[in-house]
Amino acid sequence: MSKAEFTFKRQNVEFLTEGGIKLRGWLYLPDSDKKSPAIAMSHGFSAVKEMYLDSFAEVFATAGFVVLVYDNRNFGESEGEPRQEINPWDQVMDYRYAISYVKQRSEVDPERIGIWGTSYSGGHVITVGAFDSRVKAIVSQVPLVSGSENLKRLVRSDMIPELRRMFAEDYERRIKGEKPLTIPVVCKSPPETCALPTPDSYEWFTETAKKRAPNWRNEVTLRSVEYLSMYEPITYVKQVSPKPILMIVAESDILTPTDLALEAFNMALMPKELEILKGGHFDAYTKGFEISSRLARDFFLQHLSKK
């Protein structure tokens, strides 16, 4: 593949995952008379596809890739219960069904499939890349690599016992058939309780929802936070090799801390590439979008082109 520009069309699609749950999203199809490489991508913690994933997908489709963008289960237009619950292992499994979906499309070369993830899903693509032999290239943008370490950074140590008590209470509520406990995703004035208690999280989610994603809800189940605290993609980063991986890390990331991402990159085996973006976690979608999308596009062009 070259850097020639393609026109493309976008279709609404759906595909089945475990338990017959329908995941819904968009399929971008470049105008090409040949089978194209493909990229599967989903968003991070609680975000829906309208929150800039279309912008990345358009860059990739213009470069000649078939691109599948979908809402994670329990969010946006996808099915799944309980709503607003994030189980990282379910999302890892759903990536693998997404790969299965694009692989069987007649427009796709099944031997040239890549995965792209950001923030929480930046951790997912590390995990999927370690175990799924169909993946040929991975881009992990501003990734969460260690849920336990992330929780320590985001939650004051004196608040952890109360959080653990709430986790236990949630199990007791559920066994009685009561609704799961929920908390806001973001909050304006931490230490108000929320899942992502950083000022830039509040600004990005609320502003992006107003501009692009009115269907985003500022709510997740409390269990989503417990799942996050037990999720460790860094455990699998060595197993990604020999698949090539690009990690795009923000130099001033306080949500998925820069040093943790760099630690994961240092643990990864070759072939690997690292790019450092100026700014914080959310600049990858906005001020740094032109750079972050170009880096990912060029990496996929390099590694998903026919040899």
C-alpha atoms as a PDB file:
ATOM      1  CA  MET A   1       0.000   0.000   0.000  1.00  0.00           C
ATOM      2  CA  SER A   2       1.087   3.541  -0.670  1.00  0.00           C
ATOM      3  CA  LYS A   3      -0.037   6.822   0.840  1.00  0.00           C
ATOM      4  CA  ALA A   4      -2.531   7.327  -1.998  1.00  0.00           C
ATOM      5  CA  GLU A   5      -5.831   8.773  -0.854  1.00  0.00           C
ATOM      6  CA  PHE A   6      -9.004   6.727  -1.182  1.00  0.00           C
ATOM      7  CA  THR A   7     -12.598   7.819  -1.098  1.00  0.00           C
ATOM      8  CA  PHE A   8     -14.757   5.708   1.197  1.00  0.00           C
ATOM      9  CA  LYS A   9     -18.293   5.017   2.309  1.00  0.00           C
ATOM     10  CA  ARG A  10     -19.581   4.336   5.813  1.00  0.00           C
ATOM     11  CA  GLN A  11     -22.184   1.727   6.684  1.00  0.00           C
ATOM     12  CA  ASN A  12     -24.060   1.022   9.892  1.00  0.00           C
ATOM     13  CA  VAL A  13     -23.305  -2.571  10.874  1.00  0.00           C
ATOM     14  CA  GLU A  14     -23.879  -4.990  13.719  1.00  0.00           C
ATOM     15  CA  PHE A  15     -22.281  -8.283  14.690  1.00  0.00           C
ATOM     16  CA  LEU A  16     -22.824 -10.903  17.370  1.00  0.00           C
ATOM     17  CA  THR A  17     -20.572 -11.542  20.311  1.00  0.00           C
ATOM     18  CA  GLU A  18     -20.748 -14.007  23.221  1.00  0.00           C
ATOM     19  CA  GLY A  19     -24.274 -14.717  24.426  1.00  0.00           C
ATOM     20  CA  GLY A  20     -25.875 -13.413  21.244  1.00  0.00           C
ATOM     21  CA  ILE A  21     -25.281  -9.761  22.193  1.00  0.00           C
ATOM     22  CA  LYS A  22     -25.327  -7.422  19.197  1.00  0.00           C
ATOM     23  CA  LEU A  23     -22.533  -4.882  18.981  1.00  0.00           C
ATOM     24  CA  ARG A  24     -23.305  -1.970  16.677  1.00  0.00           C
ATOM     25  CA  GLY A  25     -21.025   0.433  14.900  1.00  0.00           C
ATOM     26  CA  TRP A  26     -19.736   1.742  11.600  1.00  0.00           C
ATOM     27  CA  LEU A  27     -17.844   0.012   8.818  1.00  0.00           C
ATOM     28  CA  TYR A  28     -15.698   2.235   6.613  1.00  0.00           C
ATOM     29  CA  LEU A  29     -15.104   0.826   3.137  1.00  0.00           C
ATOM     30  CA  PRO A  30     -12.502   2.428   0.848  1.00  0.00           C
ATOM     31  CA  ASP A  31     -13.258   2.441  -2.862  1.00  0.00           C
ATOM     32  CA  SER A  32     -10.908  -0.277  -4.052  1.00  0.00           C
ATOM     33  CA  ASP A  33     -11.153  -3.198  -6.457  1.00  0.00           C
ATOM     34  CA  LYS A  34      -8.753  -5.244  -4.318  1.00  0.00           C
ATOM     35  CA  LYS A  35      -9.083  -6.847  -0.916  1.00  0.00           C
ATOM     36  CA  SER A  36      -8.000  -4.300   1.704  1.00  0.00           C
ATOM     37  CA  PRO A  37      -6.295  -4.585   5.072  1.00  0.00           C
ATOM     38  CA  ALA A  38      -8.580  -3.925   8.034  1.00  0.00           C
ATOM     39  CA  ILE A  39      -8.468  -2.259  11.434  1.00  0.00           C
ATOM     40  CA  ALA A  40     -10.819  -2.969  14.355  1.00  0.00           C
ATOM     41  CA  MET A  41     -11.204  -0.272  16.989  1.00  0.00           C
ATOM     42  CA  SER A  42     -13.296   0.629  20.024  1.00  0.00           C
ATOM     43  CA  HIS A  43     -13.173   3.345  22.673  1.00  0.00           C
ATOM     44  CA  GLY A  44     -11.941   3.624  26.238  1.00  0.00           C
ATOM     45  CA  PHE A  45     -13.626   3.797  29.642  1.00  0.00           C
ATOM     46  CA  SER A  46     -17.349   4.557  29.151  1.00  0.00           C
ATOM     47  CA  ALA A  47     -16.808   6.495  25.892  1.00  0.00           C
ATOM     48  CA  VAL A  48     -18.948   5.960  22.795  1.00  0.00           C
ATOM     49  CA  LYS A  49     -17.827   5.827  19.193  1.00  0.00           C
ATOM     50  CA  GLU A  50     -18.960   9.384  18.420  1.00  0.00           C
ATOM     51  CA  MET A  51     -16.257  10.704  20.750  1.00  0.00           C
ATOM     52  CA  TYR A  52     -13.669  11.199  17.980  1.00  0.00           C
ATOM     53  CA  LEU A  53     -13.346   7.584  16.825  1.00  0.00           C
ATOM     54  CA  ASP A  54     -14.970   8.583  13.552  1.00  0.00           C
ATOM     55  CA  SER A  55     -12.165  11.093  13.012  1.00  0.00           C
ATOM     56  CA  PHE A  56      -9.486   8.417  13.389  1.00  0.00           C
ATOM     57  CA  ALA A  57     -11.430   5.959  11.233  1.00  0.00           C
ATOM     58  CA  GLU A  58     -11.706   8.506   8.411  1.00  0.00           C
ATOM     59  CA  VAL A  59      -7.917   8.971   8.403  1.00  0.00           C
ATOM     60  CA  PHE A  60      -7.408   5.216   8.205  1.00  0.00           C
ATOM     61  CA  ALA A  61     -10.101   4.691   5.543  1.00  0.00           C
ATOM     62  CA  THR A  62      -8.638   7.466   3.404  1.00  0.00           C
ATOM     63  CA  ALA A  63      -5.372   5.530   3.495  1.00  0.00           C
ATOM     64  CA  GLY A  64      -7.118   2.428   2.111  1.00  0.00           C
ATOM     65  CA  PHE A  65      -8.075   0.470   5.226  1.00  0.00           C
ATOM     66  CA  VAL A  66     -11.417  -1.153   5.924  1.00  0.00           C
ATOM     67  CA  VAL A  67     -12.198   0.109   9.424  1.00  0.00           C
ATOM     68  CA  LEU A  68     -14.650  -1.288  11.963  1.00  0.00           C
ATOM     69  CA  VAL A  69     -15.622   1.107  14.765  1.00  0.00           C
ATOM     70  CA  TYR A  70     -18.076  -0.191  17.353  1.00  0.00           C
ATOM     71  CA  ASP A  71     -19.619   0.720  20.681  1.00  0.00           C
ATOM     72  CA  ASN A  72     -18.559  -1.484  23.552  1.00  0.00           C
ATOM     73  CA  ARG A  73     -21.211  -3.776  24.993  1.00  0.00           C
ATOM     74  CA  ASN A  74     -23.543  -2.075  27.486  1.00  0.00           C
ATOM     75  CA  PHE A  75     -22.788   1.340  25.948  1.00  0.00           C
ATOM     76  CA  GLY A  76     -24.030   3.541  23.146  1.00  0.00           C
ATOM     77  CA  GLU A  77     -25.913   1.697  20.417  1.00  0.00           C
ATOM     78  CA  SER A  78     -24.661  -1.751  21.376  1.00  0.00           C
ATOM     79  CA  GLU A  79     -26.697  -4.238  23.388  1.00  0.00           C
ATOM     80  CA  GLY A  80     -25.756  -5.695  26.744  1.00  0.00           C
ATOM     81  CA  GLU A  81     -26.780  -5.634  30.397  1.00  0.00           C
ATOM     82  CA  PRO A  82     -26.346  -4.220  32.886  1.00  0.00           C
ATOM     83  CA  ARG A  83     -26.111  -0.923  31.075  1.00  0.00           C
ATOM     84  CA  GLN A  84     -23.065   1.210  31.829  1.00  0.00           C
ATOM     85  CA  GLU A  85     -21.032  -1.727  33.150  1.00  0.00           C
ATOM     86  CA  ILE A  86     -17.448  -2.190  31.961  1.00  0.00           C
ATOM     87  CA  ASN A  87     -15.908  -5.636  32.232  1.00  0.00           C
ATOM     88  CA  PRO A  88     -12.472  -5.421  30.576  1.00  0.00           C
ATOM     89  CA  TRP A  89     -12.381  -9.140  29.843  1.00  0.00           C
ATOM     90  CA  ASP A  90     -15.725  -8.954  28.055  1.00  0.00           C
ATOM     91  CA  GLN A  91     -14.335  -6.090  25.995  1.00  0.00           C
ATOM     92  CA  VAL A  92     -11.191  -8.079  25.198  1.00  0.00           C
ATOM     93  CA  MET A  93     -13.378 -10.942  24.001  1.00  0.00           C
ATOM     94  CA  ASP A  94     -15.482  -8.524  21.947  1.00  0.00           C
ATOM     95  CA  TYR A  95     -12.370  -7.309  20.134  1.00  0.00           C
ATOM     96  CA  ARG A  96     -11.812 -10.888  19.056  1.00  0.00           C
ATOM     97  CA  TYR A  97     -15.357 -11.142  17.705  1.00  0.00           C
ATOM     98  CA  ALA A  98     -14.805  -7.824  15.923  1.00  0.00           C
ATOM     99  CA  ILE A  99     -11.732  -9.335  14.282  1.00  0.00           C
ATOM    100  CA  SER A 100     -13.850 -12.330  13.278  1.00  0.00           C
ATOM    101  CA  TYR A 101     -16.438 -10.022  11.740  1.00  0.00           C
ATOM    102  CA  VAL A 102     -13.993  -8.044   9.591  1.00  0.00           C
ATOM    103  CA  LYS A 103     -12.086 -11.190   8.653  1.00  0.00           C
ATOM    104  CA  GLN A 104     -15.147 -12.687   6.981  1.00  0.00           C
ATOM    105  CA  ARG A 105     -16.004  -9.538   5.015  1.00  0.00           C
ATOM    106  CA  SER A 106     -15.440 -10.026   1.283  1.00  0.00           C
ATOM    107  CA  GLU A 107     -13.703  -6.631   1.067  1.00  0.00           C
ATOM    108  CA  VAL A 108     -10.986  -7.630   3.567  1.00  0.00           C
ATOM    109  CA  ASP A 109      -7.690  -9.428   3.176  1.00  0.00           C
ATOM    110  CA  PRO A 110      -7.929 -11.784   6.184  1.00  0.00           C
ATOM    111  CA  GLU A 111      -4.142 -11.950   6.543  1.00  0.00           C
ATOM    112  CA  ARG A 112      -3.794  -8.191   7.104  1.00  0.00           C
ATOM    113  CA  ILE A 113      -5.769  -7.210  10.195  1.00  0.00           C
ATOM    114  CA  GLY A 114      -4.674  -4.656  12.782  1.00  0.00           C
ATOM    115  CA  ILE A 115      -6.189  -3.393  16.021  1.00  0.00           C
ATOM    116  CA  TRP A 116      -6.206   0.116  17.471  1.00  0.00           C
ATOM    117  CA  GLY A 117      -7.155   1.037  21.015  1.00  0.00           C
ATOM    118  CA  THR A 118      -7.047   4.105  23.211  1.00  0.00           C
ATOM    119  CA  SER A 119      -6.953   4.610  26.978  1.00  0.00           C
ATOM    120  CA  TYR A 120      -8.765   1.577  28.468  1.00  0.00           C
ATOM    121  CA  SER A 121      -8.945  -0.101  25.061  1.00  0.00           C
ATOM    122  CA  GLY A 122      -5.275   0.789  24.608  1.00  0.00           C
ATOM    123  CA  GLY A 123      -4.763  -1.851  27.286  1.00  0.00           C
ATOM    124  CA  HIS A 124      -7.190  -4.204  25.557  1.00  0.00           C
ATOM    125  CA  VAL A 125      -5.219  -4.223  22.307  1.00  0.00           C
ATOM    126  CA  ILE A 126      -2.088  -5.190  24.217  1.00  0.00           C
ATOM    127  CA  THR A 127      -3.986  -8.115  25.748  1.00  0.00           C
ATOM    128  CA  VAL A 128      -5.643  -9.140  22.472  1.00  0.00           C
ATOM    129  CA  GLY A 129      -2.386  -8.738  20.585  1.00  0.00           C
ATOM    130  CA  ALA A 130      -0.689 -11.122  22.994  1.00  0.00           C
ATOM    131  CA  PHE A 131      -3.163 -13.940  22.397  1.00  0.00           C
ATOM    132  CA  ASP A 132      -4.859 -13.580  18.998  1.00  0.00           C
ATOM    133  CA  SER A 133      -2.788 -14.979  16.140  1.00  0.00           C
ATOM    134  CA  ARG A 134      -4.920 -13.174  13.539  1.00  0.00           C
ATOM    135  CA  VAL A 135      -3.616  -9.765  14.625  1.00  0.00           C
ATOM    136  CA  LYS A 136      -0.723  -8.501  12.518  1.00  0.00           C
ATOM    137  CA  ALA A 137      -0.165  -4.996  13.974  1.00  0.00           C
ATOM    138  CA  ILE A 138      -1.180  -3.148  17.151  1.00  0.00           C
ATOM    139  CA  VAL A 139      -1.482   0.561  17.970  1.00  0.00           C
ATOM    140  CA  SER A 140      -1.967   1.343  21.665  1.00  0.00           C
ATOM    141  CA  GLN A 141      -2.699   5.029  22.318  1.00  0.00           C
ATOM    142  CA  VAL A 142      -2.393   6.609  25.807  1.00  0.00           C
ATOM    143  CA  PRO A 143      -2.996   3.135  27.281  1.00  0.00           C
ATOM    144  CA  LEU A 144      -4.080   1.939  30.686  1.00  0.00           C
ATOM    145  CA  VAL A 145      -1.504  -0.730  31.481  1.00  0.00           C
ATOM    146  CA  SER A 146      -2.069  -1.446  35.191  1.00  0.00           C
ATOM    147  CA  GLY A 147      -5.447  -1.030  36.822  1.00  0.00           C
ATOM    148  CA  SER A 148      -4.121  -1.523  40.344  1.00  0.00           C
ATOM    149  CA  GLU A 149      -1.413   1.117  39.954  1.00  0.00           C
ATOM    150  CA  ASN A 150      -3.839   3.448  38.215  1.00  0.00           C
ATOM    151  CA  LEU A 151      -6.273   3.200  41.116  1.00  0.00           C
ATOM    152  CA  LYS A 152      -3.505   4.097  43.558  1.00  0.00           C
ATOM    153  CA  ARG A 153      -2.786   7.247  41.543  1.00  0.00           C
ATOM    154  CA  LEU A 154      -6.425   8.317  41.196  1.00  0.00           C
ATOM    155  CA  VAL A 155      -7.817   7.482  44.642  1.00  0.00           C
ATOM    156  CA  ARG A 156      -6.391   8.712  47.947  1.00  0.00           C
ATOM    157  CA  SER A 157      -5.116   5.880  50.122  1.00  0.00           C
ATOM    158  CA  ASP A 158      -7.417   6.813  53.015  1.00  0.00           C
ATOM    159  CA  MET A 159     -10.424   6.375  50.703  1.00  0.00           C
ATOM    160  CA  ILE A 160      -9.536   2.851  49.559  1.00  0.00           C
ATOM    161  CA  PRO A 161     -11.108   1.023  52.553  1.00  0.00           C
ATOM    162  CA  GLU A 162     -14.440   2.780  51.969  1.00  0.00           C
ATOM    163  CA  LEU A 163     -14.250   1.914  48.287  1.00  0.00           C
ATOM    164  CA  ARG A 164     -13.649  -1.747  49.126  1.00  0.00           C
ATOM    165  CA  ARG A 165     -16.646  -1.653  51.487  1.00  0.00           C
ATOM    166  CA  MET A 166     -18.793  -0.304  48.655  1.00  0.00           C
ATOM    167  CA  PHE A 167     -17.582  -3.066  46.334  1.00  0.00           C
ATOM    168  CA  ALA A 168     -18.710  -5.664  48.873  1.00  0.00           C
ATOM    169  CA  GLU A 169     -22.060  -3.924  49.396  1.00  0.00           C
ATOM    170  CA  ASP A 170     -22.663  -4.066  45.643  1.00  0.00           C
ATOM    171  CA  TYR A 171     -22.385  -7.862  45.659  1.00  0.00           C
ATOM    172  CA  GLU A 172     -24.945  -8.058  48.452  1.00  0.00           C
ATOM    173  CA  ARG A 173     -27.322  -5.798  46.542  1.00  0.00           C
ATOM    174  CA  ARG A 174     -27.014  -7.856  43.391  1.00  0.00           C
ATOM    175  CA  ILE A 175     -27.668 -11.186  45.089  1.00  0.00           C
ATOM    176  CA  LYS A 176     -30.931  -9.688  46.363  1.00  0.00           C
ATOM    177  CA  GLY A 177     -31.899  -8.704  42.829  1.00  0.00           C
ATOM    178  CA  GLU A 178     -31.434  -4.995  43.492  1.00  0.00           C
ATOM    179  CA  LYS A 179     -29.964  -2.582  40.966  1.00  0.00           C
ATOM    180  CA  PRO A 180     -26.165  -2.324  40.864  1.00  0.00           C
ATOM    181  CA  LEU A 181     -24.579   0.649  42.578  1.00  0.00           C
ATOM    182  CA  THR A 182     -23.465   3.333  40.137  1.00  0.00           C
ATOM    183  CA  ILE A 183     -21.179   6.367  40.279  1.00  0.00           C
ATOM    184  CA  PRO A 184     -20.447   9.219  37.855  1.00  0.00           C
ATOM    185  CA  VAL A 185     -17.689   8.700  35.318  1.00  0.00           C
ATOM    186  CA  VAL A 186     -16.378  12.228  35.926  1.00  0.00           C
ATOM    187  CA  CYS A 187     -17.014  14.930  38.523  1.00  0.00           C
ATOM    188  CA  LYS A 188     -16.340  18.638  38.624  1.00  0.00           C
ATOM    189  CA  SER A 189     -14.880  18.894  42.100  1.00  0.00           C
ATOM    190  CA  PRO A 190     -12.919  15.873  43.345  1.00  0.00           C
ATOM    191  CA  PRO A 191     -12.747  14.372  45.987  1.00  0.00           C
ATOM    192  CA  GLU A 192     -16.404  13.995  45.048  1.00  0.00           C
ATOM    193  CA  THR A 193     -16.692  10.284  44.202  1.00  0.00           C
ATOM    194  CA  CYS A 194     -16.348   9.431  40.515  1.00  0.00           C
ATOM    195  CA  ALA A 195     -14.500   6.891  38.403  1.00  0.00           C
ATOM    196  CA  LEU A 196     -12.102   9.290  36.646  1.00  0.00           C
ATOM    197  CA  PRO A 197     -11.416  12.091  39.168  1.00  0.00           C
ATOM    198  CA  THR A 198      -9.118  14.342  37.112  1.00  0.00           C
ATOM    199  CA  PRO A 199      -9.974  17.853  35.903  1.00  0.00           C
ATOM    200  CA  ASP A 200      -9.083  17.070  32.290  1.00  0.00           C
ATOM    201  CA  SER A 201     -11.401  14.033  32.365  1.00  0.00           C
ATOM    202  CA  TYR A 202     -14.341  16.189  33.442  1.00  0.00           C
ATOM    203  CA  GLU A 203     -13.622  18.817  30.800  1.00  0.00           C
ATOM    204  CA  TRP A 204     -13.128  16.382  27.922  1.00  0.00           C
ATOM    205  CA  PHE A 205     -16.067  14.099  28.600  1.00  0.00           C
ATOM    206  CA  THR A 206     -18.596  16.835  29.283  1.00  0.00           C
ATOM    207  CA  GLU A 207     -17.497  19.076  26.406  1.00  0.00           C
ATOM    208  CA  THR A 208     -17.223  16.196  23.939  1.00  0.00           C
ATOM    209  CA  ALA A 209     -20.659  14.902  24.935  1.00  0.00           C
ATOM    210  CA  LYS A 210     -22.165  18.337  24.255  1.00  0.00           C
ATOM    211  CA  LYS A 211     -20.462  18.715  20.876  1.00  0.00           C
ATOM    212  CA  ARG A 212     -20.441  15.191  19.500  1.00  0.00           C
ATOM    213  CA  ALA A 213     -22.055  12.519  21.672  1.00  0.00           C
ATOM    214  CA  PRO A 214     -25.359  13.418  23.367  1.00  0.00           C
ATOM    215  CA  ASN A 215     -25.955   9.690  23.993  1.00  0.00           C
ATOM    216  CA  TRP A 216     -22.959   9.457  26.357  1.00  0.00           C
ATOM    217  CA  ARG A 217     -24.020   9.012  29.981  1.00  0.00           C
ATOM    218  CA  ASN A 218     -22.008  10.194  32.950  1.00  0.00           C
ATOM    219  CA  GLU A 219     -22.521   6.951  34.804  1.00  0.00           C
ATOM    220  CA  VAL A 220     -20.858   3.576  35.292  1.00  0.00           C
ATOM    221  CA  THR A 221     -21.545   0.726  37.660  1.00  0.00           C
ATOM    222  CA  LEU A 222     -19.378   0.643  40.754  1.00  0.00           C
ATOM    223  CA  ARG A 223     -18.264  -2.839  39.762  1.00  0.00           C
ATOM    224  CA  SER A 224     -16.671  -1.285  36.652  1.00  0.00           C
ATOM    225  CA  VAL A 225     -14.176   0.408  38.970  1.00  0.00           C
ATOM    226  CA  GLU A 226     -13.501  -2.852  40.802  1.00  0.00           C
ATOM    227  CA  TYR A 227     -12.911  -4.619  37.488  1.00  0.00           C
ATOM    228  CA  LEU A 228     -10.499  -1.853  36.500  1.00  0.00           C
ATOM    229  CA  SER A 229      -8.556  -2.300  39.734  1.00  0.00           C
ATOM    230  CA  MET A 230      -7.908  -5.962  38.865  1.00  0.00           C
ATOM    231  CA  TYR A 231      -6.970  -5.526  35.198  1.00  0.00           C
ATOM    232  CA  GLU A 232      -3.268  -5.724  34.285  1.00  0.00           C
ATOM    233  CA  PRO A 233      -2.466  -5.562  30.549  1.00  0.00           C
ATOM    234  CA  ILE A 234       1.201  -4.984  31.436  1.00  0.00           C
ATOM    235  CA  THR A 235       1.280  -8.658  32.424  1.00  0.00           C
ATOM    236  CA  TYR A 236       0.899  -9.639  28.770  1.00  0.00           C
ATOM    237  CA  VAL A 237       2.997  -7.027  26.997  1.00  0.00           C
ATOM    238  CA  LYS A 238       6.003  -9.329  26.478  1.00  0.00           C
ATOM    239  CA  GLN A 239       3.758 -11.846  24.737  1.00  0.00           C
ATOM    240  CA  VAL A 240       2.771  -9.407  21.994  1.00  0.00           C
ATOM    241  CA  SER A 241       6.113 -10.069  20.247  1.00  0.00           C
ATOM    242  CA  PRO A 242       6.796 -10.894  17.442  1.00  0.00           C
ATOM    243  CA  LYS A 243       3.796  -8.825  16.372  1.00  0.00           C
ATOM    244  CA  PRO A 244       4.781  -5.177  15.878  1.00  0.00           C
ATOM    245  CA  ILE A 245       3.318  -2.687  18.368  1.00  0.00           C
ATOM    246  CA  LEU A 246       3.291   1.104  18.389  1.00  0.00           C
ATOM    247  CA  MET A 247       2.672   2.813  21.727  1.00  0.00           C
ATOM    248  CA  ILE A 248       1.633   6.466  21.593  1.00  0.00           C
ATOM    249  CA  VAL A 249       2.147   7.991  25.044  1.00  0.00           C
ATOM    250  CA  ALA A 250       1.281  11.496  26.267  1.00  0.00           C
ATOM    251  CA  GLU A 251       4.170  13.197  28.048  1.00  0.00           C
ATOM    252  CA  SER A 252       1.944  14.720  30.773  1.00  0.00           C
ATOM    253  CA  ASP A 253      -0.696  12.024  31.244  1.00  0.00           C
ATOM    254  CA  ILE A 254      -2.232  12.036  34.727  1.00  0.00           C
ATOM    255  CA  LEU A 255      -5.163   9.740  33.912  1.00  0.00           C
ATOM    256  CA  THR A 256      -3.177   6.778  32.579  1.00  0.00           C
ATOM    257  CA  PRO A 257       0.171   7.945  33.957  1.00  0.00           C
ATOM    258  CA  THR A 258       3.029   8.424  31.548  1.00  0.00           C
ATOM    259  CA  ASP A 259       5.578   6.516  33.636  1.00  0.00           C
ATOM    260  CA  LEU A 260       3.396   3.416  33.788  1.00  0.00           C
ATOM    261  CA  ALA A 261       2.973   3.383  30.008  1.00  0.00           C
ATOM    262  CA  LEU A 262       6.713   3.822  29.532  1.00  0.00           C
ATOM    263  CA  GLU A 263       7.364   0.967  31.950  1.00  0.00           C
ATOM    264  CA  ALA A 264       5.120  -1.264  29.841  1.00  0.00           C
ATOM    265  CA  PHE A 265       6.898  -0.193  26.659  1.00  0.00           C
ATOM    266  CA  ASN A 266      10.287  -0.990  28.197  1.00  0.00           C
ATOM    267  CA  MET A 267       9.028  -4.457  29.096  1.00  0.00           C
ATOM    268  CA  ALA A 268       7.734  -5.142  25.581  1.00  0.00           C
ATOM    269  CA  LEU A 269       9.948  -7.122  23.222  1.00  0.00           C
ATOM    270  CA  MET A 270      10.855  -6.151  19.682  1.00  0.00           C
ATOM    271  CA  PRO A 271       9.511  -5.178  17.225  1.00  0.00           C
ATOM    272  CA  LYS A 272       8.154  -2.102  18.993  1.00  0.00           C
ATOM    273  CA  GLU A 273       7.961   1.645  18.476  1.00  0.00           C
ATOM    274  CA  LEU A 274       7.333   4.499  20.898  1.00  0.00           C
ATOM    275  CA  GLU A 275       6.047   7.983  20.157  1.00  0.00           C
ATOM    276  CA  ILE A 276       5.661  10.693  22.798  1.00  0.00           C
ATOM    277  CA  LEU A 277       2.916  13.282  22.286  1.00  0.00           C
ATOM    278  CA  LYS A 278       3.042  16.691  23.869  1.00  0.00           C
ATOM    279  CA  GLY A 279       0.277  17.445  26.336  1.00  0.00           C
ATOM    280  CA  GLY A 280      -2.025  15.303  28.441  1.00  0.00           C
ATOM    281  CA  HIS A 281      -4.188  12.243  28.007  1.00  0.00           C
ATOM    282  CA  PHE A 282      -6.975  13.820  25.974  1.00  0.00           C
ATOM    283  CA  ASP A 283      -4.789  15.865  23.635  1.00  0.00           C
ATOM    284  CA  ALA A 284      -4.419  12.738  21.492  1.00  0.00           C
ATOM    285  CA  TYR A 285      -8.033  13.285  20.367  1.00  0.00           C
ATOM    286  CA  THR A 286      -7.948  17.057  19.943  1.00  0.00           C
ATOM    287  CA  LYS A 287      -4.875  19.294  19.743  1.00  0.00           C
ATOM    288  CA  GLY A 288      -2.622  16.341  18.992  1.00  0.00           C
ATOM    289  CA  PHE A 289      -5.046  14.507  16.696  1.00  0.00           C
ATOM    290  CA  GLU A 290      -3.237  15.266  13.447  1.00  0.00           C
ATOM    291  CA  ILE A 291      -0.035  13.793  14.852  1.00  0.00           C
ATOM    292  CA  SER A 292      -1.553  10.819  16.700  1.00  0.00           C
ATOM    293  CA  SER A 293      -3.705   9.752  13.743  1.00  0.00           C
ATOM    294  CA  ARG A 294      -0.824  10.145  11.279  1.00  0.00           C
ATOM    295  CA  LEU A 295       1.505   8.068  13.449  1.00  0.00           C
ATOM    296  CA  ALA A 296      -1.045   5.252  13.669  1.00  0.00           C
ATOM    297  CA  ARG A 297      -1.875   5.430   9.959  1.00  0.00           C
ATOM    298  CA  ASP A 298       1.775   5.260   8.907  1.00  0.00           C
ATOM    299  CA  PHE A 299       2.480   2.376  11.292  1.00  0.00           C
ATOM    300  CA  PHE A 300      -0.418   0.379   9.869  1.00  0.00           C
ATOM    301  CA  LEU A 301       0.687   1.207   6.312  1.00  0.00           C
ATOM    302  CA  GLN A 302       4.143  -0.103   7.134  1.00  0.00           C
ATOM    303  CA  HIS A 303       3.060  -3.341   8.758  1.00  0.00           C
ATOM    304  CA  LEU A 304      -0.165  -4.253   6.920  1.00  0.00           C
ATOM    305  CA  SER A 305       1.120  -3.686   3.394  1.00  0.00           C
ATOM    306  CA  LYS A 306       1.645  -6.683   1.154  1.00  0.00           C
ATOM    307  CA  LYS A 307       5.223  -7.879   1.228  1.00  0.00           C
END
